[in-house]
Protein backbone atom coordinates (compact mmCIF):
# COMPACT_ATOMS: atom_id res chain seq x y z
CA MET A 1 -116.69 -216.09 91.51
CA ASP A 2 -114.99 -213.34 93.29
CA ASN A 3 -117.44 -210.53 93.27
CA CYS A 4 -120.64 -212.86 93.66
CA ILE A 5 -122.16 -212.02 96.89
CA PHE A 6 -123.38 -215.31 97.43
CA CYS A 7 -119.84 -216.93 96.72
CA LYS A 8 -118.78 -214.65 99.23
CA ILE A 9 -121.35 -215.49 101.67
CA ALA A 10 -120.42 -219.62 101.23
CA ARG A 11 -116.88 -218.38 102.03
CA ASN A 12 -117.70 -216.49 105.05
CA GLU A 13 -116.06 -213.27 103.60
CA ALA A 14 -119.59 -211.36 103.97
CA LYS A 15 -121.50 -210.96 106.70
CA SER A 16 -124.81 -213.05 106.94
CA TRP A 17 -127.03 -214.50 109.81
CA ARG A 18 -127.12 -218.12 109.12
CA ILE A 19 -129.80 -220.62 109.64
CA PHE A 20 -128.34 -223.61 108.18
CA GLU A 21 -124.92 -225.18 106.73
CA SER A 22 -124.32 -228.34 105.14
CA GLU A 23 -121.17 -229.17 103.18
CA LYS A 24 -123.18 -228.11 99.61
CA ALA A 25 -125.75 -225.77 101.17
CA CYS A 26 -126.34 -222.70 103.22
CA ALA A 27 -129.14 -220.78 104.57
CA PHE A 28 -129.16 -217.21 105.41
CA LEU A 29 -131.75 -214.62 106.19
CA ASP A 30 -132.46 -212.79 103.33
CA ILE A 31 -130.88 -209.04 103.61
CA ASN A 32 -134.07 -207.52 102.29
CA PRO A 33 -137.02 -209.33 103.58
CA ILE A 34 -140.22 -209.33 102.90
CA SER A 35 -141.41 -211.14 105.70
CA GLU A 36 -139.97 -212.27 109.07
CA PHE A 37 -137.75 -215.59 108.56
CA HIS A 38 -137.42 -214.91 104.59
CA THR A 39 -134.36 -217.12 104.20
CA LEU A 40 -132.37 -217.79 100.97
CA VAL A 41 -130.75 -221.23 100.46
CA ILE A 42 -127.92 -221.40 98.00
CA SER A 43 -125.03 -223.83 96.72
CA LYS A 44 -122.06 -222.92 98.01
CA ASN A 45 -120.83 -223.77 94.66
CA HIS A 46 -121.26 -220.99 92.23
CA TYR A 47 -123.81 -222.00 89.73
CA VAL A 48 -125.76 -219.22 87.56
CA ASN A 49 -129.47 -220.94 88.03
CA ILE A 50 -131.27 -223.98 87.64
CA PHE A 51 -129.97 -224.69 84.06
CA ASP A 52 -126.56 -225.16 85.11
CA VAL A 53 -126.72 -226.50 88.50
CA PRO A 54 -125.88 -230.37 88.49
CA GLU A 55 -128.75 -232.66 89.76
CA GLU A 56 -126.38 -233.93 92.59
CA GLU A 57 -126.16 -230.36 93.97
CA LEU A 58 -129.78 -229.28 93.38
CA LEU A 59 -130.32 -232.19 95.52
CA GLU A 60 -128.25 -230.76 98.20
CA ILE A 61 -129.93 -227.55 97.77
CA MET A 62 -133.59 -229.12 98.42
CA LYS A 63 -132.06 -231.21 101.43
CA ALA A 64 -131.24 -227.83 102.82
CA LEU A 65 -134.42 -226.18 101.92
CA LYS A 66 -136.25 -228.79 103.76
CA LYS A 67 -134.35 -228.85 106.95
CA VAL A 68 -135.15 -225.24 107.15
CA VAL A 69 -138.60 -225.79 106.58
CA GLN A 70 -139.05 -228.29 109.02
CA LEU A 71 -136.72 -225.81 111.71
CA TYR A 72 -139.38 -223.24 110.78
CA GLU A 73 -142.34 -225.56 111.59
CA ASP A 74 -140.52 -227.32 114.81
CA LYS A 75 -139.17 -224.07 116.45
CA LEU A 76 -141.91 -221.34 115.24
CA GLY A 77 -144.57 -223.21 114.12
CA LEU A 78 -144.76 -221.79 110.91
CA LYS A 79 -147.08 -223.72 108.48
CA ASP A 80 -147.34 -221.53 104.90
CA VAL A 81 -144.63 -220.69 103.04
CA GLN A 82 -143.72 -219.50 99.56
CA ILE A 83 -140.73 -221.26 97.99
CA ILE A 84 -139.76 -219.44 95.22
CA SER A 85 -136.81 -219.39 92.67
CA ASN A 86 -136.20 -217.14 89.34
CA SER A 87 -133.55 -218.26 86.75
CA GLY A 88 -132.88 -215.68 84.00
CA ARG A 89 -133.68 -212.09 83.93
CA ALA A 90 -137.19 -212.24 82.65
CA ALA A 91 -137.46 -214.35 85.27
CA GLN A 92 -136.55 -211.64 87.62
CA GLN A 93 -133.27 -213.11 88.71
CA ASP A 94 -131.09 -210.26 90.26
CA VAL A 95 -128.34 -212.23 91.78
CA PHE A 96 -126.80 -214.39 89.45
CA HIS A 97 -126.19 -217.51 91.63
CA ILE A 98 -128.92 -220.45 92.09
CA HIS A 99 -130.83 -219.95 95.30
CA PHE A 100 -134.48 -220.34 96.72
CA HIS A 101 -136.36 -218.07 98.46
CA ILE A 102 -138.49 -219.40 101.88
CA ILE A 103 -140.76 -216.98 102.47
CA PRO A 104 -142.96 -217.50 105.78
CA ARG A 105 -146.76 -215.92 104.81
CA LYS A 106 -149.60 -215.08 107.12
CA LYS A 107 -152.84 -214.04 105.83
CA GLY A 108 -153.50 -210.12 105.29
CA ASP A 109 -149.31 -209.84 105.06
CA GLY A 110 -150.12 -207.94 101.61
CA ASN A 111 -147.08 -209.97 99.90
CA ASN A 112 -149.91 -211.60 97.25
CA LEU A 113 -148.44 -212.93 94.07
CA LYS A 114 -150.96 -211.63 91.39
CA TRP A 115 -150.60 -214.26 88.03
CA ILE A 116 -152.30 -213.37 85.14
CA THR A 117 -153.47 -216.68 83.59
CA HIS A 118 -153.97 -217.69 79.91
CA PRO A 119 -156.68 -219.51 79.21
CA GLU A 120 -156.25 -218.96 75.23
CA PHE A 121 -152.80 -221.60 76.04
CA VAL A 122 -155.28 -224.32 76.95
CA PRO A 123 -156.37 -225.22 73.31
CA LYS A 124 -152.57 -225.54 72.57
CA PHE A 125 -151.57 -228.21 75.10
CA ASP A 126 -151.77 -230.88 72.71
CA GLU A 127 -149.36 -228.75 70.03
CA MET A 128 -147.26 -227.88 73.24
CA VAL A 129 -146.80 -231.38 74.62
CA SER A 130 -145.80 -232.78 71.12
CA GLN A 131 -142.96 -230.09 70.78
CA LEU A 132 -141.35 -231.86 73.13
CA LYS A 133 -141.47 -235.26 72.01
């Protein structure tokens, strides 16, 4: 994708602050950080999201993600991170190139996700599972 910013970063055509790179994936600091060392891990190949990335490529992204998290633990002593990936507009994906956020967290940092739970779905679990068979 010629106009995809993450493809440009993967090809070294756009500025980035790389943390890690492998043959299939790279990790760099997020230009819109919500915490220090907020990092994006991407595939060097263009895939829109979790639905179209091949399993082998996803494994390579996960290996890179693990290496970065381990680096942060070893070098920075970080023990608390959120790993987030959004797939699709309704899921708040805004860059349509598969990526995972590594967001280091600290108590009281104000970046809390507030989930709305739906206990009314619990009685439907048997039906939901049967839909997948």
